[in-house]
mmCIF file of all heavy atoms, coordinates in Angstrom:
data_MODEL
# 
_entry.id   MODEL 
# 
loop_
_atom_site.group_PDB 
_atom_site.id 
_atom_site.type_symbol 
_atom_site.label_atom_id 
_atom_site.label_alt_id 
_atom_site.label_comp_id 
_atom_site.label_asym_id 
_atom_site.label_entity_id 
_atom_site.label_seq_id 
_atom_site.pdbx_PDB_ins_code 
_atom_site.Cartn_x 
_atom_site.Cartn_y 
_atom_site.Cartn_z 
_atom_site.occupancy 
_atom_site.B_iso_or_equiv 
_atom_site.pdbx_formal_charge 
_atom_site.auth_seq_id 
_atom_site.auth_comp_id 
_atom_site.auth_asym_id 
_atom_site.auth_atom_id 
_atom_site.pdbx_PDB_model_num 
ATOM 1   N N   . SER A 1 1  ? 0.829  -1.206 0.000  1.00 0.00 ? 1  SER A N   1 
ATOM 2   C CA  . SER A 1 1  ? 0.000  0.000  0.000  1.00 0.00 ? 1  SER A CA  1 
ATOM 3   C C   . SER A 1 1  ? 0.867  1.261  0.000  1.00 0.00 ? 1  SER A C   1 
ATOM 4   O O   . SER A 1 1  ? 1.812  1.379  0.789  1.00 0.00 ? 1  SER A O   1 
ATOM 5   C CB  . SER A 1 1  ? -0.892 0.001  1.250  1.00 0.00 ? 1  SER A CB  1 
ATOM 6   O OG  . SER A 1 1  ? -1.339 1.301  1.570  1.00 0.00 ? 1  SER A OG  1 
ATOM 7   N N   . VAL A 1 2  ? 0.533  2.216  -0.853 1.00 0.00 ? 2  VAL A N   1 
ATOM 8   C CA  . VAL A 1 2  ? 1.286  3.471  -0.884 1.00 0.00 ? 2  VAL A CA  1 
ATOM 9   C C   . VAL A 1 2  ? 1.058  4.268  0.392  1.00 0.00 ? 2  VAL A C   1 
ATOM 10  O O   . VAL A 1 2  ? 1.913  5.069  0.806  1.00 0.00 ? 2  VAL A O   1 
ATOM 11  C CB  . VAL A 1 2  ? 0.904  4.315  -2.122 1.00 0.00 ? 2  VAL A CB  1 
ATOM 12  C CG1 . VAL A 1 2  ? 1.336  3.607  -3.397 1.00 0.00 ? 2  VAL A CG1 1 
ATOM 13  C CG2 . VAL A 1 2  ? -0.594 4.617  -2.147 1.00 0.00 ? 2  VAL A CG2 1 
ATOM 14  N N   . ASP A 1 3  ? -0.081 4.073  1.047  1.00 0.00 ? 3  ASP A N   1 
ATOM 15  C CA  . ASP A 1 3  ? -0.355 4.783  2.300  1.00 0.00 ? 3  ASP A CA  1 
ATOM 16  C C   . ASP A 1 3  ? 0.585  4.316  3.404  1.00 0.00 ? 3  ASP A C   1 
ATOM 17  O O   . ASP A 1 3  ? 1.072  5.121  4.209  1.00 0.00 ? 3  ASP A O   1 
ATOM 18  C CB  . ASP A 1 3  ? -1.805 4.564  2.732  1.00 0.00 ? 3  ASP A CB  1 
ATOM 19  C CG  . ASP A 1 3  ? -2.800 5.235  1.799  1.00 0.00 ? 3  ASP A CG  1 
ATOM 20  O OD1 . ASP A 1 3  ? -2.374 6.107  1.017  1.00 0.00 ? 3  ASP A OD1 1 
ATOM 21  O OD2 . ASP A 1 3  ? -3.987 4.884  1.859  1.00 0.00 ? 3  ASP A OD2 1 
ATOM 22  N N   . ILE A 1 4  ? 0.832  3.010  3.452  1.00 0.00 ? 4  ILE A N   1 
ATOM 23  C CA  . ILE A 1 4  ? 1.786  2.485  4.430  1.00 0.00 ? 4  ILE A CA  1 
ATOM 24  C C   . ILE A 1 4  ? 3.196  2.932  4.065  1.00 0.00 ? 4  ILE A C   1 
ATOM 25  O O   . ILE A 1 4  ? 3.971  3.357  4.924  1.00 0.00 ? 4  ILE A O   1 
ATOM 26  C CB  . ILE A 1 4  ? 1.695  0.949  4.498  1.00 0.00 ? 4  ILE A CB  1 
ATOM 27  C CG1 . ILE A 1 4  ? 0.345  0.512  5.079  1.00 0.00 ? 4  ILE A CG1 1 
ATOM 28  C CG2 . ILE A 1 4  ? 2.841  0.373  5.323  1.00 0.00 ? 4  ILE A CG2 1 
ATOM 29  C CD1 . ILE A 1 4  ? 0.117  -0.981 5.079  1.00 0.00 ? 4  ILE A CD1 1 
ATOM 30  N N   . ALA A 1 5  ? 3.518  2.869  2.784  1.00 0.00 ? 5  ALA A N   1 
ATOM 31  C CA  . ALA A 1 5  ? 4.870  3.207  2.339  1.00 0.00 ? 5  ALA A CA  1 
ATOM 32  C C   . ALA A 1 5  ? 5.253  4.635  2.719  1.00 0.00 ? 5  ALA A C   1 
ATOM 33  O O   . ALA A 1 5  ? 6.376  4.903  3.153  1.00 0.00 ? 5  ALA A O   1 
ATOM 34  C CB  . ALA A 1 5  ? 4.985  3.017  0.828  1.00 0.00 ? 5  ALA A CB  1 
ATOM 35  N N   . GLN A 1 6  ? 4.320  5.597  2.580  1.00 0.00 ? 6  GLN A N   1 
ATOM 36  C CA  . GLN A 1 6  ? 4.670  6.985  2.858  1.00 0.00 ? 6  GLN A CA  1 
ATOM 37  C C   . GLN A 1 6  ? 4.928  7.224  4.337  1.00 0.00 ? 6  GLN A C   1 
ATOM 38  O O   . GLN A 1 6  ? 5.659  8.140  4.717  1.00 0.00 ? 6  GLN A O   1 
ATOM 39  C CB  . GLN A 1 6  ? 3.573  7.920  2.352  1.00 0.00 ? 6  GLN A CB  1 
ATOM 40  C CG  . GLN A 1 6  ? 2.305  7.940  3.191  1.00 0.00 ? 6  GLN A CG  1 
ATOM 41  C CD  . GLN A 1 6  ? 1.300  8.969  2.689  1.00 0.00 ? 6  GLN A CD  1 
ATOM 42  O OE1 . GLN A 1 6  ? 1.503  9.596  1.642  1.00 0.00 ? 6  GLN A OE1 1 
ATOM 43  N NE2 . GLN A 1 6  ? 0.219  9.149  3.424  1.00 0.00 ? 6  GLN A NE2 1 
ATOM 44  N N   . GLY A 1 7  ? 4.354  6.389  5.199  1.00 0.00 ? 7  GLY A N   1 
ATOM 45  C CA  . GLY A 1 7  ? 4.603  6.518  6.623  1.00 0.00 ? 7  GLY A CA  1 
ATOM 46  C C   . GLY A 1 7  ? 5.938  5.932  7.040  1.00 0.00 ? 7  GLY A C   1 
ATOM 47  O O   . GLY A 1 7  ? 6.572  6.400  7.981  1.00 0.00 ? 7  GLY A O   1 
ATOM 48  N N   . VAL A 1 8  ? 6.379  4.910  6.323  1.00 0.00 ? 8  VAL A N   1 
ATOM 49  C CA  . VAL A 1 8  ? 7.601  4.200  6.700  1.00 0.00 ? 8  VAL A CA  1 
ATOM 50  C C   . VAL A 1 8  ? 8.834  4.815  6.043  1.00 0.00 ? 8  VAL A C   1 
ATOM 51  O O   . VAL A 1 8  ? 9.901  4.903  6.654  1.00 0.00 ? 8  VAL A O   1 
ATOM 52  C CB  . VAL A 1 8  ? 7.489  2.711  6.315  1.00 0.00 ? 8  VAL A CB  1 
ATOM 53  C CG1 . VAL A 1 8  ? 8.779  1.971  6.620  1.00 0.00 ? 8  VAL A CG1 1 
ATOM 54  C CG2 . VAL A 1 8  ? 6.319  2.069  7.059  1.00 0.00 ? 8  VAL A CG2 1 
ATOM 55  N N   . ASP A 1 9  ? 8.707  5.264  4.802  1.00 0.00 ? 9  ASP A N   1 
ATOM 56  C CA  . ASP A 1 9  ? 9.874  5.739  4.049  1.00 0.00 ? 9  ASP A CA  1 
ATOM 57  C C   . ASP A 1 9  ? 10.424 7.048  4.600  1.00 0.00 ? 9  ASP A C   1 
ATOM 58  O O   . ASP A 1 9  ? 9.683  7.904  5.093  1.00 0.00 ? 9  ASP A O   1 
ATOM 59  C CB  . ASP A 1 9  ? 9.498  5.950  2.579  1.00 0.00 ? 9  ASP A CB  1 
ATOM 60  C CG  . ASP A 1 9  ? 9.225  4.642  1.865  1.00 0.00 ? 9  ASP A CG  1 
ATOM 61  O OD1 . ASP A 1 9  ? 9.530  3.581  2.430  1.00 0.00 ? 9  ASP A OD1 1 
ATOM 62  O OD2 . ASP A 1 9  ? 8.696  4.687  0.735  1.00 0.00 ? 9  ASP A OD2 1 
ATOM 63  N N   . ALA A 1 10 ? 11.743 7.201  4.493  1.00 0.00 ? 10 ALA A N   1 
ATOM 64  C CA  . ALA A 1 10 ? 12.381 8.482  4.794  1.00 0.00 ? 10 ALA A CA  1 
ATOM 65  C C   . ALA A 1 10 ? 12.070 9.452  3.661  1.00 0.00 ? 10 ALA A C   1 
ATOM 66  O O   . ALA A 1 10 ? 12.006 9.071  2.489  1.00 0.00 ? 10 ALA A O   1 
ATOM 67  C CB  . ALA A 1 10 ? 13.885 8.302  4.935  1.00 0.00 ? 10 ALA A CB  1 
ATOM 68  N N   . ALA A 1 11 ? 11.884 10.749 4.011  1.00 0.00 ? 11 ALA A N   1 
ATOM 69  C CA  . ALA A 1 11 ? 11.607 11.768 2.999  1.00 0.00 ? 11 ALA A CA  1 
ATOM 70  C C   . ALA A 1 11 ? 11.949 13.130 3.577  1.00 0.00 ? 11 ALA A C   1 
ATOM 71  O O   . ALA A 1 11 ? 11.490 13.477 4.670  1.00 0.00 ? 11 ALA A O   1 
ATOM 72  C CB  . ALA A 1 11 ? 10.143 11.723 2.575  1.00 0.00 ? 11 ALA A CB  1 
ATOM 73  N N   . GLY A 1 12 ? 12.760 13.926 2.855  1.00 0.00 ? 12 GLY A N   1 
ATOM 74  C CA  . GLY A 1 12 ? 13.143 15.235 3.352  1.00 0.00 ? 12 GLY A CA  1 
ATOM 75  C C   . GLY A 1 12 ? 13.852 15.132 4.685  1.00 0.00 ? 12 GLY A C   1 
ATOM 76  O O   . GLY A 1 12 ? 14.861 14.435 4.829  1.00 0.00 ? 12 GLY A O   1 
ATOM 77  N N   . ASN A 1 13 ? 13.303 15.822 5.706  1.00 0.00 ? 13 ASN A N   1 
ATOM 78  C CA  . ASN A 1 13 ? 13.877 15.762 7.051  1.00 0.00 ? 13 ASN A CA  1 
ATOM 79  C C   . ASN A 1 13 ? 13.297 14.636 7.894  1.00 0.00 ? 13 ASN A C   1 
ATOM 80  O O   . ASN A 1 13 ? 13.627 14.513 9.075  1.00 0.00 ? 13 ASN A O   1 
ATOM 81  C CB  . ASN A 1 13 ? 13.651 17.097 7.774  1.00 0.00 ? 13 ASN A CB  1 
ATOM 82  C CG  . ASN A 1 13 ? 14.431 18.229 7.127  1.00 0.00 ? 13 ASN A CG  1 
ATOM 83  O OD1 . ASN A 1 13 ? 15.549 18.021 6.659  1.00 0.00 ? 13 ASN A OD1 1 
ATOM 84  N ND2 . ASN A 1 13 ? 13.832 19.422 7.094  1.00 0.00 ? 13 ASN A ND2 1 
ATOM 85  N N   . LYS A 1 14 ? 12.424 13.855 7.306  1.00 0.00 ? 14 LYS A N   1 
ATOM 86  C CA  . LYS A 1 14 ? 11.768 12.765 8.043  1.00 0.00 ? 14 LYS A CA  1 
ATOM 87  C C   . LYS A 1 14 ? 12.580 11.479 7.940  1.00 0.00 ? 14 LYS A C   1 
ATOM 88  O O   . LYS A 1 14 ? 12.906 11.025 6.850  1.00 0.00 ? 14 LYS A O   1 
ATOM 89  C CB  . LYS A 1 14 ? 10.357 12.532 7.486  1.00 0.00 ? 14 LYS A CB  1 
ATOM 90  C CG  . LYS A 1 14 ? 9.623  11.351 8.104  1.00 0.00 ? 14 LYS A CG  1 
ATOM 91  C CD  . LYS A 1 14 ? 8.297  11.114 7.405  1.00 0.00 ? 14 LYS A CD  1 
ATOM 92  C CE  . LYS A 1 14 ? 7.618  9.841  7.887  1.00 0.00 ? 14 LYS A CE  1 
ATOM 93  N NZ  . LYS A 1 14 ? 8.401  8.636  7.586  1.00 0.00 ? 14 LYS A NZ  1 
ATOM 94  N N   . ASP A 1 15 ? 12.912 10.888 9.086  1.00 0.00 ? 15 ASP A N   1 
ATOM 95  C CA  . ASP A 1 15 ? 13.608 9.604  9.095  1.00 0.00 ? 15 ASP A CA  1 
ATOM 96  C C   . ASP A 1 15 ? 12.603 8.488  8.848  1.00 0.00 ? 15 ASP A C   1 
ATOM 97  O O   . ASP A 1 15 ? 11.382 8.702  8.894  1.00 0.00 ? 15 ASP A O   1 
ATOM 98  C CB  . ASP A 1 15 ? 14.313 9.408  10.445 1.00 0.00 ? 15 ASP A CB  1 
ATOM 99  C CG  . ASP A 1 15 ? 15.349 8.281  10.400 1.00 0.00 ? 15 ASP A CG  1 
ATOM 100 O OD1 . ASP A 1 15 ? 15.609 7.748  9.304  1.00 0.00 ? 15 ASP A OD1 1 
ATOM 101 O OD2 . ASP A 1 15 ? 15.894 7.947  11.467 1.00 0.00 ? 15 ASP A OD2 1 
ATOM 102 N N   . GLU A 1 16 ? 13.114 7.305  8.579  1.00 0.00 ? 16 GLU A N   1 
ATOM 103 C CA  . GLU A 1 16 ? 12.230 6.147  8.412  1.00 0.00 ? 16 GLU A CA  1 
ATOM 104 C C   . GLU A 1 16 ? 11.404 5.943  9.676  1.00 0.00 ? 16 GLU A C   1 
ATOM 105 O O   . GLU A 1 16 ? 11.926 5.991  10.789 1.00 0.00 ? 16 GLU A O   1 
ATOM 106 C CB  . GLU A 1 16 ? 13.053 4.884  8.152  1.00 0.00 ? 16 GLU A CB  1 
ATOM 107 C CG  . GLU A 1 16 ? 13.744 4.883  6.815  1.00 0.00 ? 16 GLU A CG  1 
ATOM 108 C CD  . GLU A 1 16 ? 14.545 3.609  6.603  1.00 0.00 ? 16 GLU A CD  1 
ATOM 109 O OE1 . GLU A 1 16 ? 14.376 2.669  7.384  1.00 0.00 ? 16 GLU A OE1 1 
ATOM 110 O OE2 . GLU A 1 16 ? 15.350 3.578  5.661  1.00 0.00 ? 16 GLU A OE2 1 
ATOM 111 N N   . GLY A 1 17 ? 10.130 5.691  9.484  1.00 0.00 ? 17 GLY A N   1 
ATOM 112 C CA  . GLY A 1 17 ? 9.250  5.433  10.612 1.00 0.00 ? 17 GLY A CA  1 
ATOM 113 C C   . GLY A 1 17 ? 9.026  3.959  10.819 1.00 0.00 ? 17 GLY A C   1 
ATOM 114 O O   . GLY A 1 17 ? 9.373  3.123  9.974  1.00 0.00 ? 17 GLY A O   1 
ATOM 115 N N   . ALA A 1 18 ? 8.442  3.616  11.957 1.00 0.00 ? 18 ALA A N   1 
ATOM 116 C CA  . ALA A 1 18 ? 8.080  2.225  12.226 1.00 0.00 ? 18 ALA A CA  1 
ATOM 117 C C   . ALA A 1 18 ? 7.021  1.770  11.236 1.00 0.00 ? 18 ALA A C   1 
ATOM 118 O O   . ALA A 1 18 ? 6.161  2.551  10.816 1.00 0.00 ? 18 ALA A O   1 
ATOM 119 C CB  . ALA A 1 18 ? 7.566  2.089  13.659 1.00 0.00 ? 18 ALA A CB  1 
ATOM 120 N N   . GLY A 1 19 ? 7.075  0.493  10.873 1.00 0.00 ? 19 GLY A N   1 
ATOM 121 C CA  . GLY A 1 19 ? 6.128  -0.050 9.912  1.00 0.00 ? 19 GLY A CA  1 
ATOM 122 C C   . GLY A 1 19 ? 4.732  -0.242 10.468 1.00 0.00 ? 19 GLY A C   1 
ATOM 123 O O   . GLY A 1 19 ? 3.781  -0.453 9.719  1.00 0.00 ? 19 GLY A O   1 
ATOM 124 N N   . ASP A 1 20 ? 4.588  -0.146 11.781 1.00 0.00 ? 20 ASP A N   1 
ATOM 125 C CA  . ASP A 1 20 ? 3.282  -0.257 12.426 1.00 0.00 ? 20 ASP A CA  1 
ATOM 126 C C   . ASP A 1 20 ? 3.432  0.167  13.875 1.00 0.00 ? 20 ASP A C   1 
ATOM 127 O O   . ASP A 1 20 ? 4.549  0.283  14.388 1.00 0.00 ? 20 ASP A O   1 
ATOM 128 C CB  . ASP A 1 20 ? 2.759  -1.695 12.347 1.00 0.00 ? 20 ASP A CB  1 
ATOM 129 C CG  . ASP A 1 20 ? 1.242  -1.799 12.530 1.00 0.00 ? 20 ASP A CG  1 
ATOM 130 O OD1 . ASP A 1 20 ? 0.599  -0.768 12.843 1.00 0.00 ? 20 ASP A OD1 1 
ATOM 131 O OD2 . ASP A 1 20 ? 0.697  -2.898 12.366 1.00 0.00 ? 20 ASP A OD2 1 
ATOM 132 N N   . GLN A 1 21 ? 2.315  0.419  14.537 1.00 0.00 ? 21 GLN A N   1 
ATOM 133 C CA  . GLN A 1 21 ? 2.366  0.650  15.971 1.00 0.00 ? 21 GLN A CA  1 
ATOM 134 C C   . GLN A 1 21 ? 2.535  -0.690 16.680 1.00 0.00 ? 21 GLN A C   1 
ATOM 135 O O   . GLN A 1 21 ? 2.349  -1.747 16.084 1.00 0.00 ? 21 GLN A O   1 
ATOM 136 C CB  . GLN A 1 21 ? 1.086  1.311  16.456 1.00 0.00 ? 21 GLN A CB  1 
ATOM 137 C CG  . GLN A 1 21 ? -0.136 0.378  16.439 1.00 0.00 ? 21 GLN A CG  1 
ATOM 138 C CD  . GLN A 1 21 ? -1.364 1.048  17.000 1.00 0.00 ? 21 GLN A CD  1 
ATOM 139 O OE1 . GLN A 1 21 ? -1.648 2.192  16.665 1.00 0.00 ? 21 GLN A OE1 1 
ATOM 140 N NE2 . GLN A 1 21 ? -2.098 0.355  17.859 1.00 0.00 ? 21 GLN A NE2 1 
ATOM 141 N N   . GLY A 1 22 ? 2.889  -0.650 17.954 1.00 0.00 ? 22 GLY A N   1 
ATOM 142 C CA  . GLY A 1 22 ? 2.943  -1.898 18.697 1.00 0.00 ? 22 GLY A CA  1 
ATOM 143 C C   . GLY A 1 22 ? 3.878  -1.827 19.884 1.00 0.00 ? 22 GLY A C   1 
ATOM 144 O O   . GLY A 1 22 ? 4.618  -0.862 20.075 1.00 0.00 ? 22 GLY A O   1 
ATOM 145 N N   . ILE A 1 23 ? 3.810  -2.877 20.692 1.00 0.00 ? 23 ILE A N   1 
ATOM 146 C CA  . ILE A 1 23 ? 4.705  -3.041 21.831 1.00 0.00 ? 23 ILE A CA  1 
ATOM 147 C C   . ILE A 1 23 ? 5.490  -4.333 21.637 1.00 0.00 ? 23 ILE A C   1 
ATOM 148 O O   . ILE A 1 23 ? 4.973  -5.328 21.138 1.00 0.00 ? 23 ILE A O   1 
ATOM 149 C CB  . ILE A 1 23 ? 3.946  -3.061 23.167 1.00 0.00 ? 23 ILE A CB  1 
ATOM 150 C CG1 . ILE A 1 23 ? 2.880  -4.171 23.191 1.00 0.00 ? 23 ILE A CG1 1 
ATOM 151 C CG2 . ILE A 1 23 ? 3.304  -1.712 23.434 1.00 0.00 ? 23 ILE A CG2 1 
ATOM 152 C CD1 . ILE A 1 23 ? 2.182  -4.329 24.536 1.00 0.00 ? 23 ILE A CD1 1 
ATOM 153 N N   . MET A 1 24 ? 6.755  -4.287 22.000 1.00 0.00 ? 24 MET A N   1 
ATOM 154 C CA  . MET A 1 24 ? 7.648  -5.441 21.835 1.00 0.00 ? 24 MET A CA  1 
ATOM 155 C C   . MET A 1 24 ? 8.425  -5.642 23.123 1.00 0.00 ? 24 MET A C   1 
ATOM 156 O O   . MET A 1 24 ? 8.780  -4.679 23.810 1.00 0.00 ? 24 MET A O   1 
ATOM 157 C CB  . MET A 1 24 ? 8.644  -5.220 20.686 1.00 0.00 ? 24 MET A CB  1 
ATOM 158 C CG  . MET A 1 24 ? 7.999  -5.007 19.347 1.00 0.00 ? 24 MET A CG  1 
ATOM 159 S SD  . MET A 1 24 ? 7.535  -3.268 19.150 1.00 0.00 ? 24 MET A SD  1 
ATOM 160 C CE  . MET A 1 24 ? 6.206  -3.455 17.960 1.00 0.00 ? 24 MET A CE  1 
# 
């Protein structure tokens, strides 16, 4: 999904984000 991809991918000043919420 492109919606998931835009949240995870680095862009501009944004670092890579977690692929989902959660506790580990």
